[in-house]
C-alpha atoms as a PDB file:
ATOM      1  CA  UNK A   1     -14.267   3.518 -92.506  1.00  0.00           C
ATOM      2  CA  UNK A   2     -10.635   3.086 -93.499  1.00  0.00           C
ATOM      3  CA  UNK A   3      -9.647  -0.078 -91.682  1.00  0.00           C
ATOM      4  CA  UNK A   4      -7.628   0.296 -88.515  1.00  0.00           C
ATOM      5  CA  UNK A   5      -6.861   3.982 -89.108  1.00  0.00           C
ATOM      6  CA  UNK A   6     -10.559   4.757 -88.825  1.00  0.00           C
ATOM      7  CA  UNK A   7     -10.845   3.451 -85.268  1.00  0.00           C
ATOM      8  CA  UNK A   8     -10.487   6.029 -82.508  1.00  0.00           C
ATOM      9  CA  UNK A   9      -8.955   3.616 -80.008  1.00  0.00           C
ATOM     10  CA  UNK A  10      -6.085   2.867 -82.394  1.00  0.00           C
ATOM     11  CA  UNK A  11      -5.136   6.550 -82.353  1.00  0.00           C
ATOM     12  CA  UNK A  12      -5.360   6.622 -78.553  1.00  0.00           C
ATOM     13  CA  UNK A  13      -3.091   3.557 -78.373  1.00  0.00           C
ATOM     14  CA  UNK A  14      -0.625   5.246 -80.739  1.00  0.00           C
ATOM     15  CA  UNK A  15      -0.734   8.378 -78.570  1.00  0.00           C
ATOM     16  CA  UNK A  16      -0.032   6.353 -75.426  1.00  0.00           C
ATOM     17  CA  UNK A  17       2.858   4.559 -77.115  1.00  0.00           C
ATOM     18  CA  UNK A  18       4.355   7.834 -78.313  1.00  0.00           C
ATOM     19  CA  UNK A  19       3.851   9.364 -74.862  1.00  0.00           C
ATOM     20  CA  UNK A  20       5.713   6.436 -73.332  1.00  0.00           C
ATOM     21  CA  UNK A  21       8.500   6.885 -75.878  1.00  0.00           C
ATOM     22  CA  UNK A  22       8.705  10.559 -74.869  1.00  0.00           C
ATOM     23  CA  UNK A  23       9.109   9.599 -71.215  1.00  0.00           C
ATOM     24  CA  UNK A  24      11.862   7.133 -72.052  1.00  0.00           C
ATOM     25  CA  UNK A  25      13.618   9.413 -74.580  1.00  0.00           C
ATOM     26  CA  UNK A  26      12.991  13.015 -73.483  1.00  0.00           C
ATOM     27  CA  UNK A  27      13.457  15.919 -75.820  1.00  0.00           C
ATOM     28  CA  UNK A  28       9.961  16.911 -76.928  1.00  0.00           C
ATOM     29  CA  UNK A  29      10.279  14.914 -80.144  1.00  0.00           C
ATOM     30  CA  UNK A  30       7.552  12.328 -79.600  1.00  0.00           C
ATOM     31  CA  UNK A  31       5.255  14.569 -77.545  1.00  0.00           C
ATOM     32  CA  UNK A  32       4.075  16.503 -80.610  1.00  0.00           C
ATOM     33  CA  UNK A  33       3.235  13.238 -82.349  1.00  0.00           C
ATOM     34  CA  UNK A  34       1.402  11.997 -79.250  1.00  0.00           C
ATOM     35  CA  UNK A  35      -0.708  15.155 -79.115  1.00  0.00           C
ATOM     36  CA  UNK A  36      -1.379  14.821 -82.846  1.00  0.00           C
ATOM     37  CA  UNK A  37      -2.525  11.236 -82.356  1.00  0.00           C
ATOM     38  CA  UNK A  38      -4.873  12.267 -79.528  1.00  0.00           C
ATOM     39  CA  UNK A  39      -6.346  14.965 -81.742  1.00  0.00           C
ATOM     40  CA  UNK A  40      -6.731  12.368 -84.492  1.00  0.00           C
ATOM     41  CA  UNK A  41      -8.814  10.213 -82.132  1.00  0.00           C
ATOM     42  CA  UNK A  42     -11.232  13.135 -81.858  1.00  0.00           C
ATOM     43  CA  UNK A  43     -11.207  13.729 -85.620  1.00  0.00           C
ATOM     44  CA  UNK A  44     -11.869  10.060 -86.372  1.00  0.00           C
ATOM     45  CA  UNK A  45     -14.872   9.965 -84.053  1.00  0.00           C
ATOM     46  CA  UNK A  46     -16.392  13.017 -85.793  1.00  0.00           C
ATOM     47  CA  UNK A  47     -15.344  12.371 -89.409  1.00  0.00           C
ATOM     48  CA  UNK A  48     -15.249   8.611 -89.818  1.00  0.00           C
ATOM     49  CA  UNK A  49     -15.460   8.676 -93.635  1.00  0.00           C
ATOM     50  CA  UNK A  50     -11.999  10.100 -94.359  1.00  0.00           C
ATOM     51  CA  UNK A  51      -9.626   8.025 -96.452  1.00  0.00           C
ATOM     52  CA  UNK A  52      -6.367   6.625 -95.111  1.00  0.00           C
ATOM     53  CA  UNK A  53      -4.124   9.105 -96.987  1.00  0.00           C
ATOM     54  CA  UNK A  54      -6.266  11.993 -95.721  1.00  0.00           C
ATOM     55  CA  UNK A  55      -6.025  10.682 -92.152  1.00  0.00           C
ATOM     56  CA  UNK A  56      -2.250  10.357 -92.341  1.00  0.00           C
ATOM     57  CA  UNK A  57      -1.870  13.823 -93.893  1.00  0.00           C
ATOM     58  CA  UNK A  58      -4.087  15.299 -91.189  1.00  0.00           C
ATOM     59  CA  UNK A  59      -2.066  13.481 -88.527  1.00  0.00           C
ATOM     60  CA  UNK A  60       1.135  14.966 -89.938  1.00  0.00           C
ATOM     61  CA  UNK A  61      -0.347  18.453 -89.956  1.00  0.00           C
ATOM     62  CA  UNK A  62      -1.768  18.214 -86.439  1.00  0.00           C
ATOM     63  CA  UNK A  63       1.522  16.823 -85.130  1.00  0.00           C
ATOM     64  CA  UNK A  64       3.449  19.668 -86.742  1.00  0.00           C
ATOM     65  CA  UNK A  65       1.127  22.259 -85.206  1.00  0.00           C
ATOM     66  CA  UNK A  66       1.432  20.567 -81.796  1.00  0.00           C
ATOM     67  CA  UNK A  67       5.218  20.431 -82.068  1.00  0.00           C
ATOM     68  CA  UNK A  68       5.448  24.124 -82.998  1.00  0.00           C
ATOM     69  CA  UNK A  69       3.131  24.980 -80.097  1.00  0.00           C
ATOM     70  CA  UNK A  70       5.287  23.003 -77.678  1.00  0.00           C
ATOM     71  CA  UNK A  71       8.437  24.736 -78.915  1.00  0.00           C
ATOM     72  CA  UNK A  72       6.836  28.138 -78.388  1.00  0.00           C
ATOM     73  CA  UNK A  73       5.634  27.273 -74.888  1.00  0.00           C
ATOM     74  CA  UNK A  74       8.834  25.643 -73.648  1.00  0.00           C
ATOM     75  CA  UNK A  75      11.149  28.137 -75.352  1.00  0.00           C
ATOM     76  CA  UNK A  76      10.079  30.792 -72.852  1.00  0.00           C
ATOM     77  CA  UNK A  77      11.017  28.713 -69.842  1.00  0.00           C
ATOM     78  CA  UNK A  78      14.522  29.125 -68.501  1.00  0.00           C
ATOM     79  CA  UNK A  79      16.462  26.480 -66.658  1.00  0.00           C
ATOM     80  CA  UNK A  80      17.316  29.044 -63.988  1.00  0.00           C
ATOM     81  CA  UNK A  81      20.988  28.092 -64.111  1.00  0.00           C
ATOM     82  CA  UNK A  82      23.328  30.817 -62.951  1.00  0.00           C
ATOM     83  CA  UNK A  83      26.324  31.584 -65.130  1.00  0.00           C
ATOM     84  CA  UNK A  84      29.430  32.073 -63.029  1.00  0.00           C
ATOM     85  CA  UNK A  85      31.887  34.565 -64.516  1.00  0.00           C
ATOM     86  CA  UNK A  86      34.149  34.979 -61.481  1.00  0.00           C
ATOM     87  CA  UNK A  87      35.785  32.200 -59.520  1.00  0.00           C
ATOM     88  CA  UNK A  88      35.386  32.339 -55.738  1.00  0.00           C
ATOM     89  CA  UNK A  89      39.048  31.443 -55.269  1.00  0.00           C
ATOM     90  CA  UNK A  90      40.355  34.327 -57.389  1.00  0.00           C
ATOM     91  CA  UNK A  91      41.881  37.142 -55.389  1.00  0.00           C
ATOM     92  CA  UNK A  92      41.915  40.742 -56.459  1.00  0.00           C
END
């Protein structure tokens, strides 16, 4: 066990804090980290003998993968805003 980083509930608390930060400061910056922290809670429960540097490196990798996945998913969605090229008050 690697101190606090080896406890699953610490990773869940980090994920909740990052999720709250994402709600307060939107932009899909903290959401990838929050998903990475939730995945780390699962990893820590299965592999509890990893060292602290390995846990932090794995957290960084999982967060990067989550962030890339979010960018791919939300890139496809359009805002649905209509671009107006002609003014209604213009006369021909």
